Protein backbone atom coordinates (compact mmCIF):
# COMPACT_ATOMS: atom_id res chain seq x y z
CA MET A 1 -41.98 28.81 117.79
CA SER A 2 -40.25 25.93 118.15
CA GLN A 3 -40.48 22.67 115.89
CA ALA A 4 -41.93 20.76 119.02
CA ASP A 5 -45.08 23.07 118.97
CA VAL A 6 -45.93 21.93 115.72
CA LYS A 7 -48.78 20.02 115.87
CA PRO A 8 -49.34 17.83 112.79
CA LYS A 9 -52.62 18.08 111.26
CA LYS A 10 -55.50 15.41 111.74
CA PRO A 11 -56.41 13.23 108.87
CA LYS A 12 -59.15 14.73 107.26
CA ALA A 13 -61.10 11.94 105.34
CA LEU A 14 -60.60 8.24 105.69
CA GLY A 15 -62.54 6.17 103.58
CA PRO A 16 -65.58 3.79 103.98
CA GLY A 17 -63.34 0.86 104.64
CA LYS A 18 -60.98 -0.78 107.38
CA LEU A 19 -58.27 0.94 108.81
CA PHE A 20 -55.30 -1.54 108.70
CA VAL A 21 -51.99 -1.17 110.95
CA LEU A 22 -49.44 -2.78 108.99
CA ASP A 23 -46.56 -4.58 111.39
CA THR A 24 -42.92 -4.34 110.09
CA ASN A 25 -42.76 -8.19 108.97
CA VAL A 26 -45.57 -7.83 106.87
CA LEU A 27 -43.77 -5.30 104.84
CA LEU A 28 -40.51 -6.90 104.90
CA HIS A 29 -42.54 -10.44 103.76
CA ASP A 30 -44.09 -8.97 100.51
CA PRO A 31 -42.82 -5.37 99.93
CA MET A 32 -45.74 -4.81 97.42
CA CYS A 33 -48.27 -5.43 100.40
CA LEU A 34 -48.83 -1.62 100.46
CA PHE A 35 -51.05 -2.05 97.18
CA ARG A 36 -53.20 -5.29 98.21
CA PHE A 37 -55.50 -3.88 100.67
CA GLU A 38 -58.20 -2.83 97.60
CA GLU A 39 -60.17 0.15 98.80
CA HIS A 40 -59.10 0.09 102.65
CA ASP A 41 -56.53 2.22 104.26
CA LEU A 42 -53.36 1.88 105.96
CA PHE A 43 -51.42 2.92 108.73
CA LEU A 44 -48.07 2.51 109.31
CA PRO A 45 -46.59 3.36 112.86
CA MET A 46 -43.19 5.81 113.12
CA ILE A 47 -41.54 2.62 114.76
CA VAL A 48 -42.47 -0.07 112.05
CA LEU A 49 -40.27 2.90 109.81
CA GLU A 50 -37.51 2.86 112.09
CA GLU A 51 -37.51 -0.79 112.23
CA LEU A 52 -37.58 -0.68 108.22
CA ASP A 53 -34.28 1.30 108.07
CA GLY A 54 -32.96 -0.88 110.58
CA HIS A 55 -33.22 -4.42 108.27
CA LYS A 56 -32.10 -2.33 105.10
CA LYS A 57 -28.32 -3.29 105.26
CA GLY A 58 -26.98 -6.49 103.84
CA MET A 59 -27.68 -8.77 100.98
CA THR A 60 -30.40 -11.20 102.42
CA GLU A 61 -34.16 -11.43 100.90
CA VAL A 62 -35.14 -9.65 104.03
CA ALA A 63 -33.04 -6.43 103.42
CA ARG A 64 -33.53 -6.31 99.84
CA ASN A 65 -37.56 -6.63 100.77
CA ALA A 66 -36.75 -3.31 103.06
CA ARG A 67 -35.00 -1.54 100.15
CA GLN A 68 -37.96 -2.13 98.23
CA THR A 69 -40.61 -1.11 100.59
CA SER A 70 -38.36 2.36 101.36
CA ARG A 71 -38.21 2.97 97.42
CA SER A 72 -41.94 2.46 97.27
CA LEU A 73 -42.69 4.54 100.15
CA ASP A 74 -40.45 7.16 98.42
CA ALA A 75 -41.90 7.17 95.11
CA LEU A 76 -45.51 7.64 96.45
CA ALA A 77 -44.25 10.57 98.94
CA GLY A 78 -42.22 12.19 95.47
CA THR A 79 -45.56 12.05 93.31
CA GLN A 80 -48.20 13.49 95.84
CA GLY A 81 -45.74 16.03 98.09
CA ALA A 82 -44.70 16.13 101.54
CA ASP A 83 -48.37 16.57 102.79
CA PHE A 84 -49.02 13.60 104.30
CA SER A 85 -51.92 14.68 106.89
CA ASN A 86 -54.49 13.61 104.15
CA GLY A 87 -52.96 10.38 103.05
CA LEU A 88 -51.10 9.22 100.33
CA LYS A 89 -53.30 7.86 97.46
CA LEU A 90 -52.31 3.86 96.84
CA ASP A 91 -53.30 3.78 93.28
CA ALA A 92 -50.42 6.70 92.28
CA THR A 93 -48.05 4.18 90.82
CA GLY A 94 -50.42 2.55 88.62
CA HIS A 95 -51.51 -0.67 90.65
CA ARG A 96 -55.43 0.00 89.80
CA GLU A 97 -56.61 -2.63 92.42
CA ALA A 98 -55.38 -0.38 95.11
CA GLY A 99 -58.11 2.28 96.08
CA GLY A 100 -57.61 3.37 99.78
CA LYS A 101 -54.93 5.91 101.31
CA LEU A 102 -51.69 5.56 103.72
CA PHE A 103 -51.38 7.45 106.19
CA PHE A 104 -48.43 7.42 108.42
CA GLN A 105 -47.99 8.61 112.18
CA THR A 106 -47.28 12.34 112.06
CA GLN A 107 -47.88 12.77 116.07
CA THR A 108 -48.09 11.08 119.35
CA LEU A 109 -50.63 8.98 119.75
CA ASP A 110 -52.24 8.73 123.44
CA TYR A 111 -52.91 5.30 124.40
CA THR A 112 -52.46 2.62 127.88
CA LEU A 113 -51.49 -0.52 127.71
CA PRO A 114 -50.90 -2.98 130.76
CA ILE A 115 -48.06 -2.28 133.08
CA SER A 116 -46.76 -6.21 132.18
CA LEU A 117 -45.61 -4.84 128.75
CA PRO A 118 -42.70 -2.65 128.37
CA GLN A 119 -43.13 0.54 126.64
CA GLY A 120 -40.04 0.37 124.90
CA LYS A 121 -40.52 -2.52 123.03
CA ALA A 122 -41.47 -2.39 119.04
CA ASP A 123 -44.38 -4.75 119.42
CA ASN A 124 -45.53 -3.08 122.17
CA GLN A 125 -45.51 0.32 120.68
CA ILE A 126 -47.50 -0.78 117.56
CA LEU A 127 -50.03 -2.42 119.59
CA GLY A 128 -50.19 1.11 121.68
CA VAL A 129 -50.56 2.65 118.59
CA VAL A 130 -53.92 0.31 117.43
CA GLU A 131 -55.72 0.94 120.78
CA ALA A 132 -55.06 4.42 119.93
CA LEU A 133 -56.34 4.37 116.49
CA ARG A 134 -59.39 2.05 117.65
CA LYS A 135 -60.63 5.16 120.04
CA GLN A 136 -59.89 7.95 117.93
CA TYR A 137 -61.65 6.86 114.89
CA ALA A 138 -64.51 4.78 116.64
CA PRO A 139 -66.82 2.80 115.11
CA ARG A 140 -64.53 2.53 112.32
CA GLU A 141 -62.68 -0.69 112.24
CA VAL A 142 -58.64 -0.42 112.89
CA VAL A 143 -57.05 -4.10 112.48
CA LEU A 144 -53.40 -4.88 113.08
CA VAL A 145 -52.05 -7.26 110.34
CA SER A 146 -48.91 -9.06 111.41
CA LYS A 147 -47.68 -12.13 110.53
CA ASP A 148 -45.84 -12.72 113.99
CA ILE A 149 -48.39 -15.28 115.49
CA ASN A 150 -47.02 -13.69 119.27
CA MET A 151 -48.14 -10.41 118.28
CA ARG A 152 -51.46 -11.18 117.26
CA VAL A 153 -51.81 -13.11 120.55
CA LYS A 154 -50.91 -10.35 122.66
CA ALA A 155 -53.36 -7.99 120.63
CA ARG A 156 -56.19 -10.49 120.69
CA ALA A 157 -55.10 -10.71 124.51
CA LEU A 158 -55.73 -7.06 124.69
CA GLY A 159 -58.86 -6.93 122.49
CA LEU A 160 -57.69 -5.37 119.36
CA PRO A 161 -58.97 -6.86 116.32
CA THR A 162 -56.01 -8.49 114.59
CA ASP A 163 -55.24 -10.78 111.35
CA ASP A 164 -52.51 -12.86 109.50
CA TYR A 165 -51.62 -11.38 106.32
CA GLN A 166 -53.58 -13.14 104.28
CA ASN A 167 -52.54 -12.22 100.33
CA ASP A 168 -49.64 -14.13 100.21
CA LYS A 169 -51.43 -17.36 100.59
CA THR A 170 -51.51 -19.24 97.40
CA LEU A 171 -54.36 -21.70 99.13
CA ASP A 172 -56.19 -21.40 102.26
CA ASP A 173 -56.07 -25.12 102.42
CA SER A 174 -53.55 -27.33 101.54
CA ASP A 175 -55.45 -30.47 100.80
CA LEU A 176 -56.88 -28.41 97.77
CA LEU A 177 -53.53 -28.42 96.39
CA TYR A 178 -53.63 -29.54 92.73
CA SER A 179 -52.43 -33.08 92.71
CA GLY A 180 -51.70 -33.96 89.38
CA SER A 181 -53.68 -37.13 88.97
CA LEU A 182 -57.22 -37.94 88.97
CA ALA A 183 -59.21 -40.91 89.10
CA LEU A 184 -61.58 -41.78 86.65
CA PRO A 185 -65.24 -42.58 87.32
CA LEU A 186 -66.21 -46.24 87.97
CA ASP A 187 -68.86 -46.14 85.45
CA PHE A 188 -65.67 -44.89 83.07
CA TRP A 189 -65.64 -47.77 80.42
CA ALA A 190 -69.21 -48.70 80.51
CA LYS A 191 -69.96 -44.87 79.49
CA HIS A 192 -67.23 -44.15 76.75
CA GLY A 193 -65.74 -48.17 76.20
CA LYS A 194 -68.00 -48.24 72.90
CA THR A 195 -68.26 -44.65 71.63
CA MET A 196 -64.16 -43.53 72.33
CA GLU A 197 -62.65 -43.04 69.61
CA SER A 198 -59.02 -44.55 69.79
CA TRP A 199 -55.83 -44.81 67.52
CA GLN A 200 -52.05 -46.27 68.35
CA SER A 201 -49.25 -44.05 67.16
CA GLY A 202 -45.87 -45.93 68.11
CA SER A 203 -45.78 -47.71 71.39
CA TYR A 204 -48.99 -45.53 72.27
CA THR A 205 -52.37 -45.45 72.28
CA PHE A 206 -54.58 -42.52 72.23
CA TYR A 207 -58.01 -42.08 73.29
CA ARG A 208 -60.35 -38.98 72.55
CA ILE A 209 -63.42 -38.63 75.34
CA SER A 210 -65.96 -36.15 75.85
CA GLY A 211 -68.92 -35.92 78.63
CA PRO A 212 -69.01 -33.98 82.45
CA ILE A 213 -65.10 -34.84 83.46
CA VAL A 214 -63.60 -32.93 80.70
CA PRO A 215 -63.87 -29.69 82.02
CA ASN A 216 -62.13 -30.94 85.73
CA LEU A 217 -59.16 -32.06 83.51
CA LEU A 218 -55.78 -29.76 82.72
CA ILE A 219 -53.08 -30.45 80.59
CA ASN A 220 -50.74 -32.99 81.74
CA GLN A 221 -52.69 -34.19 84.02
CA PHE A 222 -52.61 -37.98 84.72
CA VAL A 223 -55.78 -39.92 84.82
CA TYR A 224 -56.33 -43.51 86.10
CA PHE A 225 -58.87 -46.58 86.13
CA GLU A 226 -58.51 -49.20 88.65
CA ALA A 227 -61.45 -51.49 88.91
CA PRO A 228 -61.83 -55.61 89.30
CA GLY A 229 -62.56 -57.03 86.38
CA GLU A 230 -62.28 -53.78 84.13
CA PRO A 231 -59.02 -53.24 81.87
CA SER A 232 -56.98 -50.54 83.81
CA LEU A 233 -56.21 -47.30 81.92
CA TYR A 234 -53.22 -44.96 83.23
CA ALA A 235 -53.16 -42.28 80.69
CA ARG A 236 -51.73 -38.71 80.55
CA VAL A 237 -54.17 -35.29 79.33
CA THR A 238 -52.07 -34.54 75.97
CA GLU A 239 -54.83 -31.89 74.31
CA ILE A 240 -58.14 -30.22 75.52
CA ARG A 241 -60.36 -28.61 72.74
CA ALA A 242 -64.22 -27.63 73.63
CA LYS A 243 -65.79 -30.62 74.94
CA THR A 244 -63.27 -33.61 73.95
CA ALA A 245 -60.09 -34.08 75.58
CA VAL A 246 -57.27 -36.52 74.23
CA LEU A 247 -55.41 -39.47 76.79
CA LYS A 248 -52.20 -40.89 75.36
CA THR A 249 -51.03 -43.89 77.80
CA LEU A 250 -48.22 -44.04 79.76
CA LYS A 251 -44.64 -45.78 79.43
CA ASP A 252 -44.82 -48.48 82.20
CA TYR A 253 -41.19 -47.66 84.24
CA ASN A 254 -42.47 -50.27 86.83
CA HIS A 255 -41.10 -53.35 84.41
CA LEU A 256 -37.18 -53.87 84.48
CA LYS A 257 -37.13 -53.59 80.70
CA ASN A 258 -37.86 -49.54 81.22
CA ALA A 259 -35.43 -48.89 83.77
CA VAL A 260 -34.08 -45.61 84.37
CA TRP A 261 -30.48 -45.46 85.68
CA GLY A 262 -31.23 -49.21 86.95
CA VAL A 263 -34.64 -47.79 88.56
CA THR A 264 -37.73 -48.77 88.77
CA THR A 265 -40.89 -47.12 89.71
CA ARG A 266 -42.72 -48.94 92.75
CA ASN A 267 -46.22 -47.56 92.52
CA ARG A 268 -48.64 -45.69 90.47
CA GLU A 269 -47.35 -41.98 91.42
CA GLN A 270 -44.08 -43.01 90.73
CA ASN A 271 -44.48 -43.93 87.13
CA PHE A 272 -46.43 -41.11 86.78
CA ALA A 273 -43.28 -38.87 87.88
CA MET A 274 -41.25 -41.05 85.83
CA ASN A 275 -43.21 -39.95 82.45
CA VAL A 276 -43.26 -36.23 82.81
CA LEU A 277 -39.71 -36.42 84.33
CA MET A 278 -38.32 -38.37 81.28
CA ASP A 279 -40.52 -36.65 79.00
CA PRO A 280 -38.15 -33.82 76.81
CA GLU A 281 -41.33 -31.92 75.86
CA VAL A 282 -41.55 -31.10 79.70
CA ASP A 283 -39.75 -28.34 80.87
CA PHE A 284 -40.52 -28.06 84.57
CA VAL A 285 -41.71 -30.38 87.15
CA THR A 286 -42.71 -30.07 90.77
CA LEU A 287 -42.56 -33.19 92.71
CA THR A 288 -44.10 -33.26 96.50
CA GLY A 289 -44.58 -35.60 99.26
CA ASN A 290 -43.48 -37.01 102.43
CA ALA A 291 -40.46 -38.09 103.39
CA GLY A 292 -39.15 -41.35 101.08
CA THR A 293 -41.03 -41.43 98.31
CA GLY A 294 -38.73 -41.36 96.13
CA LYS A 295 -38.66 -37.77 94.63
CA THR A 296 -34.89 -37.55 94.90
CA LEU A 297 -33.57 -40.69 93.70
CA MET A 298 -36.52 -40.28 90.28
CA ALA A 299 -35.07 -36.97 90.06
CA LEU A 300 -31.36 -38.20 89.75
CA ALA A 301 -31.94 -41.20 87.85
CA SER A 302 -33.78 -39.80 85.07
CA GLY A 303 -31.09 -37.00 85.00
CA LEU A 304 -28.23 -39.37 84.78
CA THR A 305 -29.61 -41.00 82.04
CA GLN A 306 -30.61 -37.63 80.26
CA VAL A 307 -27.46 -36.50 80.50
CA LEU A 308 -25.00 -39.56 80.21
CA ASP A 309 -27.11 -41.67 78.09
CA ASP A 310 -29.07 -39.39 75.77
CA ARG A 311 -26.89 -36.80 75.74
CA ARG A 312 -30.07 -34.16 75.94
CA TYR A 313 -28.39 -31.81 78.70
CA THR A 314 -24.81 -31.07 79.50
CA GLU A 315 -24.91 -31.67 83.19
CA ILE A 316 -26.67 -31.86 86.34
CA ILE A 317 -27.05 -28.45 88.44
CA MET A 318 -28.22 -29.21 92.43
CA THR A 319 -29.37 -26.82 94.63
CA ARG A 320 -31.42 -26.25 97.79
CA ALA A 321 -32.71 -23.68 100.12
CA THR A 322 -30.09 -23.98 103.02
CA VAL A 323 -32.32 -23.98 106.36
CA SER A 324 -31.18 -25.73 109.30
CA VAL A 325 -33.41 -28.26 111.19
CA GLY A 326 -31.57 -27.60 114.46
CA GLU A 327 -28.89 -25.29 115.86
CA ASP A 328 -26.30 -23.14 112.85
CA ILE A 329 -23.03 -24.87 112.65
CA GLY A 330 -21.74 -21.40 112.05
CA PHE A 331 -19.34 -20.70 108.63
CA LEU A 332 -18.54 -23.67 106.38
CA PRO A 333 -14.51 -23.62 104.78
CA GLY A 334 -14.04 -24.29 101.01
CA THR A 335 -15.52 -23.81 97.77
CA GLU A 336 -19.08 -23.06 97.12
CA GLU A 337 -19.05 -26.82 96.52
CA GLU A 338 -17.58 -27.59 99.34
CA LYS A 339 -19.43 -25.21 101.88
CA MET A 340 -22.91 -26.83 100.33
CA GLY A 341 -21.60 -30.40 101.02
CA PRO A 342 -23.13 -30.75 104.43
CA TRP A 343 -26.80 -29.84 102.95
CA MET A 344 -26.12 -32.28 100.13
CA GLY A 345 -26.53 -35.49 102.41
CA ALA A 346 -29.67 -36.48 99.96
CA LEU A 347 -27.42 -36.48 96.95
CA ASP A 348 -24.89 -38.72 98.30
CA ASP A 349 -27.34 -41.04 99.93
CA ASN A 350 -29.14 -41.18 96.34
CA LEU A 351 -26.20 -41.33 94.29
CA GLU A 352 -25.03 -44.35 96.82
CA VAL A 353 -28.10 -46.38 95.84
CA LEU A 354 -27.63 -45.31 92.07
CA ALA A 355 -24.24 -46.83 92.15
CA LYS A 356 -25.25 -50.13 93.13
CA THR A 357 -27.36 -50.31 90.31
CA GLU A 358 -24.75 -51.00 87.99
CA THR A 359 -23.65 -54.86 88.71
CA THR A 360 -22.32 -56.01 85.43
CA SER A 361 -18.81 -53.89 85.36
CA GLY A 362 -16.99 -54.85 88.34
CA GLU A 363 -15.72 -52.53 91.04
CA TRP A 364 -13.24 -51.01 88.45
CA GLY A 365 -16.30 -49.99 86.25
CA ARG A 366 -18.22 -49.11 89.47
CA ALA A 367 -15.35 -46.31 90.51
CA ALA A 368 -15.18 -45.08 87.05
CA THR A 369 -18.71 -44.77 86.94
CA ASN A 370 -18.88 -43.09 90.21
CA GLU A 371 -16.27 -40.66 88.81
CA LEU A 372 -18.35 -40.01 85.84
CA ILE A 373 -21.42 -39.46 87.88
CA ARG A 374 -19.76 -36.90 90.03
CA SER A 375 -18.20 -34.76 86.96
CA ARG A 376 -21.17 -34.12 85.71
CA ILE A 377 -23.49 -33.02 88.70
CA LYS A 378 -22.63 -29.48 90.32
CA ILE A 379 -23.84 -28.44 93.52
CA LYS A 380 -24.64 -24.43 93.48
CA SER A 381 -25.79 -22.11 96.09
CA MET A 382 -28.84 -20.45 95.98
CA ASN A 383 -27.43 -17.24 96.92
CA PHE A 384 -25.65 -16.46 93.73
CA MET A 385 -28.09 -17.60 91.43
CA ARG A 386 -29.00 -14.08 90.12
CA GLY A 387 -28.12 -12.84 86.95
CA ARG A 388 -27.18 -16.36 85.82
CA THR A 389 -28.62 -18.27 82.98
CA PHE A 390 -28.43 -22.35 82.66
CA LEU A 391 -28.27 -23.44 79.23
CA ASN A 392 -29.32 -26.79 78.63
CA LYS A 393 -28.85 -27.83 82.01
CA TYR A 394 -31.17 -30.39 84.27
CA VAL A 395 -31.32 -28.13 87.45
CA ILE A 396 -33.11 -29.77 90.37
CA ILE A 397 -34.10 -27.82 93.55
CA ASP A 398 -34.33 -29.42 96.64
CA GLU A 399 -36.27 -28.66 99.73
CA ALA A 400 -38.46 -26.09 97.38
CA GLN A 401 -41.03 -25.94 100.64
CA ASN A 402 -38.69 -23.62 102.37
CA LEU A 403 -38.73 -21.08 99.39
CA THR A 404 -40.95 -17.61 99.19
CA PRO A 405 -42.92 -17.35 96.02
CA LYS A 406 -40.37 -14.70 94.92
CA GLN A 407 -37.00 -17.14 95.55
CA MET A 408 -39.01 -19.31 93.34
CA LYS A 409 -39.56 -17.03 90.78
CA THR A 410 -35.77 -15.99 90.95
CA LEU A 411 -34.59 -19.46 90.40
CA ILE A 412 -37.09 -20.39 87.48
CA THR A 413 -36.61 -17.42 85.35
CA ARG A 414 -32.56 -18.70 85.38
CA ALA A 415 -33.75 -21.43 82.77
CA GLY A 416 -32.38 -20.73 79.09
CA PRO A 417 -33.22 -22.85 76.01
CA GLY A 418 -32.94 -26.67 76.46
CA THR A 419 -32.84 -26.41 80.20
CA LYS A 420 -35.23 -28.49 82.65
CA ILE A 421 -35.99 -27.68 86.26
CA ILE A 422 -37.35 -30.03 88.64
CA CYS A 423 -38.86 -28.65 91.95
CA MET A 424 -39.31 -30.77 94.91
CA GLY A 425 -40.40 -30.88 98.29
CA ASN A 426 -42.37 -31.81 101.62
CA LEU A 427 -44.78 -28.93 102.48
CA ALA A 428 -45.06 -30.99 105.82
CA GLN A 429 -41.51 -29.70 106.68
CA ILE A 430 -41.26 -25.68 106.41
CA ASP A 431 -38.59 -24.37 108.19
CA THR A 432 -38.42 -20.80 106.88
CA PRO A 433 -40.21 -18.64 109.63
CA TYR A 434 -43.41 -17.01 108.14
CA LEU A 435 -44.09 -19.38 105.70
CA THR A 436 -47.18 -21.68 105.39
CA GLU A 437 -48.11 -24.86 103.51
CA GLY A 438 -50.49 -21.78 101.51
CA SER A 439 -47.76 -19.15 100.99
CA SER A 440 -44.88 -21.61 100.33
CA GLY A 441 -43.20 -20.70 96.67
CA LEU A 442 -43.68 -24.79 96.13
CA THR A 443 -47.42 -24.52 96.30
CA PHE A 444 -47.11 -20.74 94.47
CA ALA A 445 -45.28 -23.24 91.30
CA VAL A 446 -47.51 -26.27 91.19
CA ASP A 447 -50.35 -23.56 91.14
CA LYS A 448 -49.30 -21.48 88.47
CA PHE A 449 -48.18 -24.27 86.27
CA LYS A 450 -50.93 -26.66 86.10
CA GLY A 451 -52.01 -26.92 83.14
CA TRP A 452 -49.45 -25.28 81.17
CA PRO A 453 -48.52 -28.04 78.13
CA HIS A 454 -44.88 -28.00 79.07
CA GLY A 455 -44.92 -28.32 82.96
CA GLY A 456 -45.95 -31.35 85.21
CA HIS A 457 -47.22 -32.42 88.76
CA ILE A 458 -47.13 -35.31 90.84
CA THR A 459 -48.02 -35.84 94.90
CA LEU A 460 -45.81 -38.83 95.48
CA ALA A 461 -48.10 -40.77 97.98
CA ARG A 462 -46.51 -43.76 99.10
CA GLY A 463 -43.28 -43.79 100.99
CA GLU A 464 -40.65 -46.63 99.68
CA ARG A 465 -37.86 -46.33 102.58
CA SER A 466 -38.69 -49.10 104.39
CA ARG A 467 -41.66 -50.39 106.80
CA LEU A 468 -39.99 -48.87 109.81
CA ALA A 469 -39.82 -45.10 107.75
CA ASP A 470 -43.48 -45.72 106.63
CA PHE A 471 -44.88 -46.76 110.43
CA ALA A 472 -42.71 -43.57 111.55
CA SER A 473 -44.47 -41.17 109.00
CA ASP A 474 -47.67 -42.39 110.16
CA VAL A 475 -47.64 -42.26 113.99
CA LEU A 476 -45.22 -39.45 114.43
């Protein structure tokens, strides 16, 4: 009897939930996706395994994810034997939230697709598998899961149920993202003014408040009160105990006497940001906002002050995700720092602004200052961050919206004792395929670190570049 005459057994038992057919890009996007479908069953077409094999070589994030997925599949098969006909239990590796089974395509499935869809193309083969499974297991719901928008459009055009992979999304709506600040109610002074406990410590005033607003507060969240005829209040939440919270007033970086490397803040949110950037007790800061809101300038100014003046950190390390806006310009010659040069135009532009803030030392003094600044700023590529540990460094991660949650974790866990990390980005400018505002590593970091006593976040609202840039940001 030839091998072709041996027909694989039909799956005996399928669970009560849905049957999800996974596209290759889901496995390449999240290697742990196999264990995140709860009680539902999963189905992998053979062409998906073939594509997975084609992506395993290389040092890219996609290649690493392909290898990790292959190892997970091998571990599942190794612990449960070689009989795939009954499916592999997805809770076998200790993932308690998984309760369904994983099935593989072990035989040729009968399906008919429109002639306009080439039969040899991998995407169309997966669509055919979904069509065949839908007929075979009716009335059970069979759903294609894909990160590819065009794939989902084709599936819907064919009348096949399909959905995006949702488990990677930190938030369903970016409007729900933690902003880092909260406006106090208009009756704040009327309710709390006479009964609120307050005390002075150095140049700061502390207030202890209670009431229904306390459950809505988080540690290191900024609160403000602005109303005509009433005293303004700008403070940060430093302590939450039971039904009370302690507010600490802020240092006013709008005033010239508190300028940081010659830079003064121009609006409320910038002042909030500078307070966490200059606080040695805050180890991790995230800044989001549109282009021109001052993210890079403030991060650099506070970094230079704390490296050169306060000697709090030994040097500034700057990196960013190297995702092109237009066409790629190919390989770049030179050292690691020279290769990163074209990606660091924002650094050069902001250093030019910071160099002009020093007006008293003359041309020679400015040149010497620029040389000193350059010697304390190191530009590093994210590709070589694995295995490194930064000690007493001030690390700036620019364009962080283009990082995946896994890449963000890799970078943040490089921090050694005495290191501060600043992540900046504009969630409206994501250039990485399959990343959205809800699944970006920056969104992930903001959401996971909110309320941590040594972390701070601010969403910058107002652009401060020019009236032209502000108008363009609004209308274009």
